[in-house]
Amino acid sequence: MLEFGAERLSRNVRDATSEDLLDRITVYRDGMEPAALDIIEAELRQRGIERAEIEAHAAHRSAQMIPLPDGTALSCSFCHRPAVEQRWGWHRMWGWLPLFPRYFSYCEVHLPPPALISEDDPHPPE
């Protein structure tokens, strides 16, 4: 098991965006160490983010996220945000050569509009 590094985590938390910290403290909470949660909560307090904001963020994310069996959120295939939708697409070599179909998870930021679903989609929506 990896050893918990409080100093390294504190540096990481200070450099993280408030949105990232809110995601960690809400939808990824069940997968984190209690000491890490304390550090994140302290940083959010220092940034002036109150309990009501945390609860509102949790409600917003919980209504849209795709939960995993352990209760945490499925992550986007392209970043660390919680995924809100999954679609079939092509795994591409060097960004252009389609190799095989696979399921992608998308957050609100990376979710392509329905019009951009490829004509060569291996499993188009019905």
N, C-alpha and C. Protein backbone atom coordinates (compact mmCIF):
# COMPACT_ATOMS: atom_id res chain seq x y z
N MET A 1 0.84 -1.18 0.00
CA MET A 1 0.00 0.00 0.00
C MET A 1 0.89 1.25 0.00
N LEU A 2 0.47 2.27 -0.71
CA LEU A 2 1.24 3.51 -0.76
C LEU A 2 1.11 4.27 0.55
N GLU A 3 2.21 4.88 0.93
CA GLU A 3 2.21 5.66 2.16
C GLU A 3 1.61 7.04 1.89
N PHE A 4 0.81 7.51 2.81
CA PHE A 4 0.17 8.81 2.69
C PHE A 4 1.22 9.90 2.87
N GLY A 5 1.36 10.78 1.90
CA GLY A 5 2.33 11.88 1.97
C GLY A 5 1.62 13.20 2.18
N ALA A 6 1.48 13.61 3.44
CA ALA A 6 0.71 14.82 3.77
C ALA A 6 1.33 16.07 3.16
N GLU A 7 2.65 16.16 3.16
CA GLU A 7 3.31 17.36 2.62
C GLU A 7 3.10 17.46 1.11
N ARG A 8 3.24 16.35 0.43
CA ARG A 8 3.03 16.33 -1.02
C ARG A 8 1.56 16.64 -1.36
N LEU A 9 0.65 16.06 -0.60
CA LEU A 9 -0.77 16.32 -0.82
C LEU A 9 -1.10 17.78 -0.56
N SER A 10 -0.55 18.35 0.49
CA SER A 10 -0.81 19.76 0.80
C SER A 10 -0.38 20.66 -0.35
N ARG A 11 0.77 20.37 -0.94
CA ARG A 11 1.25 21.14 -2.10
C ARG A 11 0.28 20.97 -3.28
N ASN A 12 -0.14 19.75 -3.51
CA ASN A 12 -1.06 19.45 -4.60
C ASN A 12 -2.39 20.17 -4.40
N VAL A 13 -2.89 20.18 -3.18
CA VAL A 13 -4.17 20.82 -2.86
C VAL A 13 -4.08 22.33 -3.04
N ARG A 14 -2.97 22.93 -2.63
CA ARG A 14 -2.79 24.38 -2.79
C ARG A 14 -2.79 24.77 -4.27
N ASP A 15 -2.24 23.91 -5.13
CA ASP A 15 -2.14 24.20 -6.56
C ASP A 15 -3.41 23.86 -7.34
N ALA A 16 -4.33 23.11 -6.74
CA ALA A 16 -5.53 22.65 -7.44
C ALA A 16 -6.57 23.76 -7.55
N THR A 17 -7.42 23.65 -8.55
CA THR A 17 -8.52 24.60 -8.69
C THR A 17 -9.59 24.30 -7.63
N SER A 18 -10.41 25.26 -7.36
CA SER A 18 -11.50 25.05 -6.40
C SER A 18 -12.48 23.99 -6.90
N GLU A 19 -12.74 23.97 -8.20
CA GLU A 19 -13.64 22.96 -8.76
C GLU A 19 -13.08 21.55 -8.53
N ASP A 20 -11.79 21.39 -8.75
CA ASP A 20 -11.15 20.09 -8.52
C ASP A 20 -11.27 19.68 -7.06
N LEU A 21 -11.01 20.60 -6.16
CA LEU A 21 -11.13 20.29 -4.73
C LEU A 21 -12.57 19.95 -4.34
N LEU A 22 -13.52 20.67 -4.91
CA LEU A 22 -14.93 20.37 -4.63
C LEU A 22 -15.29 18.98 -5.15
N ASP A 23 -14.76 18.60 -6.30
CA ASP A 23 -15.01 17.24 -6.81
C ASP A 23 -14.40 16.19 -5.89
N ARG A 24 -13.19 16.45 -5.45
CA ARG A 24 -12.52 15.48 -4.57
C ARG A 24 -13.28 15.29 -3.26
N ILE A 25 -13.78 16.38 -2.70
CA ILE A 25 -14.42 16.33 -1.39
C ILE A 25 -15.86 15.82 -1.48
N THR A 26 -16.41 15.77 -2.70
CA THR A 26 -17.80 15.32 -2.86
C THR A 26 -17.86 13.98 -3.59
N VAL A 27 -17.74 13.96 -4.91
CA VAL A 27 -17.97 12.74 -5.68
C VAL A 27 -16.84 11.71 -5.60
N TYR A 28 -15.63 12.13 -5.21
CA TYR A 28 -14.52 11.18 -5.07
C TYR A 28 -14.21 10.90 -3.59
N ARG A 29 -15.02 11.41 -2.69
CA ARG A 29 -14.79 11.34 -1.25
C ARG A 29 -14.57 9.91 -0.74
N ASP A 30 -15.42 8.97 -1.19
CA ASP A 30 -15.34 7.60 -0.68
C ASP A 30 -14.03 6.90 -1.00
N GLY A 31 -13.31 7.36 -1.99
CA GLY A 31 -12.05 6.73 -2.35
C GLY A 31 -10.83 7.41 -1.76
N MET A 32 -11.02 8.33 -0.82
CA MET A 32 -9.90 9.10 -0.28
C MET A 32 -9.61 8.78 1.19
N GLU A 33 -8.38 9.03 1.57
CA GLU A 33 -7.96 8.87 2.97
C GLU A 33 -8.59 9.97 3.82
N PRO A 34 -8.97 9.64 5.07
CA PRO A 34 -9.53 10.67 5.95
C PRO A 34 -8.61 11.87 6.17
N ALA A 35 -7.31 11.63 6.26
CA ALA A 35 -6.37 12.75 6.45
C ALA A 35 -6.35 13.66 5.22
N ALA A 36 -6.50 13.09 4.03
CA ALA A 36 -6.54 13.89 2.81
C ALA A 36 -7.80 14.75 2.79
N LEU A 37 -8.90 14.19 3.24
CA LEU A 37 -10.15 14.95 3.30
C LEU A 37 -10.01 16.15 4.22
N ASP A 38 -9.33 15.96 5.36
CA ASP A 38 -9.11 17.07 6.30
C ASP A 38 -8.31 18.20 5.65
N ILE A 39 -7.27 17.83 4.90
CA ILE A 39 -6.43 18.83 4.23
C ILE A 39 -7.24 19.59 3.18
N ILE A 40 -8.04 18.88 2.41
CA ILE A 40 -8.85 19.51 1.36
C ILE A 40 -9.90 20.43 1.99
N GLU A 41 -10.57 19.95 3.04
CA GLU A 41 -11.58 20.79 3.70
C GLU A 41 -10.96 22.06 4.27
N ALA A 42 -9.76 21.95 4.84
CA ALA A 42 -9.08 23.13 5.37
C ALA A 42 -8.74 24.12 4.26
N GLU A 43 -8.30 23.62 3.12
CA GLU A 43 -7.98 24.50 1.99
C GLU A 43 -9.24 25.20 1.47
N LEU A 44 -10.35 24.47 1.38
CA LEU A 44 -11.59 25.09 0.93
C LEU A 44 -12.06 26.17 1.90
N ARG A 45 -11.91 25.92 3.20
CA ARG A 45 -12.26 26.95 4.20
C ARG A 45 -11.39 28.18 4.02
N GLN A 46 -10.09 27.95 3.78
CA GLN A 46 -9.15 29.05 3.59
C GLN A 46 -9.51 29.87 2.33
N ARG A 47 -10.06 29.23 1.33
CA ARG A 47 -10.48 29.92 0.11
C ARG A 47 -11.85 30.58 0.25
N GLY A 48 -12.48 30.41 1.39
CA GLY A 48 -13.77 31.04 1.63
C GLY A 48 -14.96 30.26 1.09
N ILE A 49 -14.75 28.99 0.79
CA ILE A 49 -15.84 28.16 0.29
C ILE A 49 -16.53 27.52 1.49
N GLU A 50 -17.81 27.82 1.62
CA GLU A 50 -18.56 27.38 2.80
C GLU A 50 -19.29 26.07 2.55
N ARG A 51 -19.80 25.49 3.61
CA ARG A 51 -20.49 24.21 3.57
C ARG A 51 -21.66 24.22 2.56
N ALA A 52 -22.39 25.31 2.50
CA ALA A 52 -23.53 25.39 1.57
C ALA A 52 -23.07 25.24 0.12
N GLU A 53 -21.93 25.85 -0.23
CA GLU A 53 -21.39 25.71 -1.58
C GLU A 53 -20.96 24.28 -1.87
N ILE A 54 -20.36 23.64 -0.88
CA ILE A 54 -19.92 22.24 -1.02
C ILE A 54 -21.14 21.35 -1.24
N GLU A 55 -22.19 21.56 -0.46
CA GLU A 55 -23.40 20.75 -0.60
C GLU A 55 -24.09 21.00 -1.94
N ALA A 56 -24.09 22.24 -2.41
CA ALA A 56 -24.69 22.55 -3.72
C ALA A 56 -23.89 21.86 -4.83
N HIS A 57 -22.57 21.87 -4.72
CA HIS A 57 -21.72 21.21 -5.71
C HIS A 57 -21.98 19.71 -5.70
N ALA A 58 -22.10 19.14 -4.51
CA ALA A 58 -22.36 17.70 -4.39
C ALA A 58 -23.70 17.34 -5.02
N ALA A 59 -24.71 18.16 -4.80
CA ALA A 59 -26.03 17.89 -5.36
C ALA A 59 -25.99 17.97 -6.89
N HIS A 60 -25.31 18.99 -7.41
CA HIS A 60 -25.20 19.16 -8.86
C HIS A 60 -24.49 17.97 -9.50
N ARG A 61 -23.33 17.61 -8.95
CA ARG A 61 -22.55 16.50 -9.51
C ARG A 61 -23.27 15.17 -9.36
N SER A 62 -23.87 14.93 -8.21
CA SER A 62 -24.55 13.65 -7.96
C SER A 62 -25.71 13.42 -8.92
N ALA A 63 -26.37 14.50 -9.32
CA ALA A 63 -27.50 14.37 -10.23
C ALA A 63 -27.05 14.02 -11.65
N GLN A 64 -25.79 14.31 -12.00
CA GLN A 64 -25.33 14.11 -13.37
C GLN A 64 -24.28 13.01 -13.54
N MET A 65 -23.53 12.71 -12.49
CA MET A 65 -22.39 11.79 -12.62
C MET A 65 -22.83 10.35 -12.87
N ILE A 66 -21.89 9.56 -13.36
CA ILE A 66 -22.09 8.13 -13.53
C ILE A 66 -21.38 7.46 -12.35
N PRO A 67 -22.14 6.87 -11.42
CA PRO A 67 -21.50 6.29 -10.23
C PRO A 67 -20.88 4.92 -10.51
N LEU A 68 -19.77 4.67 -9.85
CA LEU A 68 -19.12 3.36 -9.87
C LEU A 68 -19.68 2.53 -8.72
N PRO A 69 -19.44 1.23 -8.71
CA PRO A 69 -19.97 0.39 -7.64
C PRO A 69 -19.54 0.82 -6.23
N ASP A 70 -18.37 1.45 -6.10
CA ASP A 70 -17.90 1.88 -4.78
C ASP A 70 -18.50 3.21 -4.34
N GLY A 71 -19.34 3.81 -5.18
CA GLY A 71 -19.99 5.07 -4.82
C GLY A 71 -19.29 6.31 -5.35
N THR A 72 -18.07 6.17 -5.84
CA THR A 72 -17.38 7.32 -6.40
C THR A 72 -17.83 7.52 -7.85
N ALA A 73 -17.40 8.62 -8.44
CA ALA A 73 -17.80 8.94 -9.81
C ALA A 73 -16.84 8.33 -10.82
N LEU A 74 -17.39 7.92 -11.95
CA LEU A 74 -16.58 7.50 -13.07
C LEU A 74 -15.90 8.75 -13.62
N SER A 75 -14.61 8.67 -13.92
CA SER A 75 -13.88 9.83 -14.44
C SER A 75 -13.99 9.91 -15.96
N CYS A 76 -13.89 11.13 -16.45
CA CYS A 76 -13.86 11.40 -17.88
C CYS A 76 -12.65 10.70 -18.49
N SER A 77 -12.77 10.25 -19.73
CA SER A 77 -11.65 9.60 -20.42
C SER A 77 -10.56 10.60 -20.80
N PHE A 78 -10.86 11.90 -20.71
CA PHE A 78 -9.92 12.92 -21.17
C PHE A 78 -9.40 13.85 -20.08
N CYS A 79 -9.98 13.77 -18.87
CA CYS A 79 -9.53 14.59 -17.75
C CYS A 79 -9.97 13.91 -16.45
N HIS A 80 -9.85 14.59 -15.35
CA HIS A 80 -10.18 14.00 -14.04
C HIS A 80 -11.58 14.34 -13.55
N ARG A 81 -12.34 15.11 -14.33
CA ARG A 81 -13.69 15.48 -13.91
C ARG A 81 -14.62 14.26 -13.94
N PRO A 82 -15.73 14.32 -13.20
CA PRO A 82 -16.70 13.22 -13.25
C PRO A 82 -17.39 13.12 -14.60
N ALA A 83 -17.55 11.90 -15.08
CA ALA A 83 -18.21 11.66 -16.36
C ALA A 83 -19.72 11.82 -16.21
N VAL A 84 -20.35 12.39 -17.23
CA VAL A 84 -21.80 12.57 -17.24
C VAL A 84 -22.46 11.73 -18.33
N GLU A 85 -21.67 11.23 -19.28
CA GLU A 85 -22.23 10.42 -20.36
C GLU A 85 -21.15 9.51 -20.92
N GLN A 86 -21.59 8.37 -21.48
CA GLN A 86 -20.68 7.45 -22.15
C GLN A 86 -21.18 7.21 -23.57
N ARG A 87 -20.23 7.10 -24.49
CA ARG A 87 -20.55 6.83 -25.89
C ARG A 87 -19.48 5.94 -26.50
N TRP A 88 -19.88 5.22 -27.53
CA TRP A 88 -18.92 4.45 -28.31
C TRP A 88 -18.13 5.39 -29.21
N GLY A 89 -16.89 5.05 -29.41
CA GLY A 89 -16.04 5.79 -30.33
C GLY A 89 -14.89 4.91 -30.76
N TRP A 90 -14.04 5.44 -31.58
CA TRP A 90 -12.88 4.68 -32.05
C TRP A 90 -11.64 5.05 -31.26
N HIS A 91 -10.93 4.06 -30.79
CA HIS A 91 -9.60 4.28 -30.21
C HIS A 91 -8.68 4.48 -31.42
N ARG A 92 -8.03 5.62 -31.46
CA ARG A 92 -7.24 5.96 -32.64
C ARG A 92 -5.76 6.04 -32.31
N MET A 93 -4.96 5.50 -33.21
CA MET A 93 -3.51 5.60 -33.09
C MET A 93 -3.09 6.93 -33.69
N TRP A 94 -2.28 7.69 -32.97
CA TRP A 94 -1.79 9.00 -33.39
C TRP A 94 -2.93 9.97 -33.69
N GLY A 95 -4.10 9.72 -33.11
CA GLY A 95 -5.22 10.62 -33.27
C GLY A 95 -5.99 10.52 -34.58
N TRP A 96 -5.61 9.61 -35.48
CA TRP A 96 -6.33 9.55 -36.74
C TRP A 96 -6.59 8.13 -37.25
N LEU A 97 -5.77 7.15 -36.92
CA LEU A 97 -5.94 5.79 -37.44
C LEU A 97 -6.82 4.98 -36.49
N PRO A 98 -8.09 4.69 -36.89
CA PRO A 98 -8.98 3.94 -36.00
C PRO A 98 -8.50 2.49 -35.85
N LEU A 99 -8.35 2.06 -34.59
CA LEU A 99 -7.86 0.71 -34.33
C LEU A 99 -8.99 -0.23 -33.90
N PHE A 100 -9.78 0.21 -32.92
CA PHE A 100 -10.85 -0.64 -32.42
C PHE A 100 -11.88 0.24 -31.72
N PRO A 101 -13.14 -0.23 -31.70
CA PRO A 101 -14.17 0.55 -31.00
C PRO A 101 -14.01 0.41 -29.49
N ARG A 102 -14.33 1.47 -28.78
CA ARG A 102 -14.30 1.43 -27.32
C ARG A 102 -15.28 2.43 -26.77
N TYR A 103 -15.58 2.25 -25.51
CA TYR A 103 -16.51 3.12 -24.81
C TYR A 103 -15.73 4.27 -24.20
N PHE A 104 -16.15 5.51 -24.44
CA PHE A 104 -15.52 6.68 -23.85
C PHE A 104 -16.46 7.30 -22.82
N SER A 105 -15.88 7.84 -21.77
CA SER A 105 -16.63 8.55 -20.74
C SER A 105 -16.34 10.03 -20.91
N TYR A 106 -17.39 10.87 -20.86
CA TYR A 106 -17.25 12.30 -21.11
C TYR A 106 -17.76 13.12 -19.92
N CYS A 107 -16.99 14.14 -19.55
CA CYS A 107 -17.45 15.12 -18.56
C CYS A 107 -18.23 16.20 -19.30
N GLU A 108 -18.74 17.17 -18.57
CA GLU A 108 -19.50 18.27 -19.19
C GLU A 108 -18.65 19.05 -20.19
N VAL A 109 -17.35 19.17 -19.93
CA VAL A 109 -16.47 19.96 -20.78
C VAL A 109 -16.14 19.24 -22.08
N HIS A 110 -15.88 17.93 -22.02
CA HIS A 110 -15.45 17.18 -23.19
C HIS A 110 -16.58 16.48 -23.95
N LEU A 111 -17.79 16.61 -23.51
CA LEU A 111 -18.94 15.97 -24.16
C LEU A 111 -19.18 16.59 -25.53
N PRO A 112 -19.01 15.79 -26.60
CA PRO A 112 -19.28 16.36 -27.92
C PRO A 112 -20.78 16.47 -28.16
N PRO A 113 -21.19 17.47 -28.93
CA PRO A 113 -22.61 17.58 -29.23
C PRO A 113 -23.06 16.38 -30.07
N PRO A 114 -24.34 16.01 -29.99
CA PRO A 114 -24.83 14.86 -30.75
C PRO A 114 -24.56 14.96 -32.26
N ALA A 115 -24.53 16.16 -32.79
CA ALA A 115 -24.28 16.34 -34.22
C ALA A 115 -22.87 15.90 -34.61
N LEU A 116 -21.97 15.83 -33.64
CA LEU A 116 -20.59 15.45 -33.95
C LEU A 116 -20.33 13.96 -33.80
N ILE A 117 -21.37 13.17 -33.60
CA ILE A 117 -21.17 11.73 -33.55
C ILE A 117 -20.77 11.28 -34.95
N SER A 118 -19.68 10.58 -35.00
CA SER A 118 -19.10 10.19 -36.28
C SER A 118 -20.00 9.24 -37.06
N GLU A 119 -19.97 9.38 -38.40
CA GLU A 119 -20.73 8.47 -39.25
C GLU A 119 -20.17 7.07 -39.18
N ASP A 120 -18.88 6.95 -38.83
CA ASP A 120 -18.28 5.62 -38.71
C ASP A 120 -18.35 5.11 -37.26
N ASP A 121 -19.27 5.64 -36.48
CA ASP A 121 -19.49 5.22 -35.11
C ASP A 121 -19.84 3.73 -35.10
N PRO A 122 -19.09 2.91 -34.35
CA PRO A 122 -19.35 1.47 -34.36
C PRO A 122 -20.70 1.09 -33.75
N HIS A 123 -21.24 1.94 -32.90
CA HIS A 123 -22.52 1.68 -32.24
C HIS A 123 -23.32 2.98 -32.18
N PRO A 124 -23.89 3.43 -33.30
CA PRO A 124 -24.60 4.71 -33.29
C PRO A 124 -25.85 4.66 -32.41
N PRO A 125 -26.26 5.82 -31.87
CA PRO A 125 -27.47 5.85 -31.05
C PRO A 125 -28.69 5.54 -31.93
N GLU A 126 -29.69 4.96 -31.29
CA GLU A 126 -30.89 4.57 -32.05
C GLU A 126 -31.93 5.64 -32.04
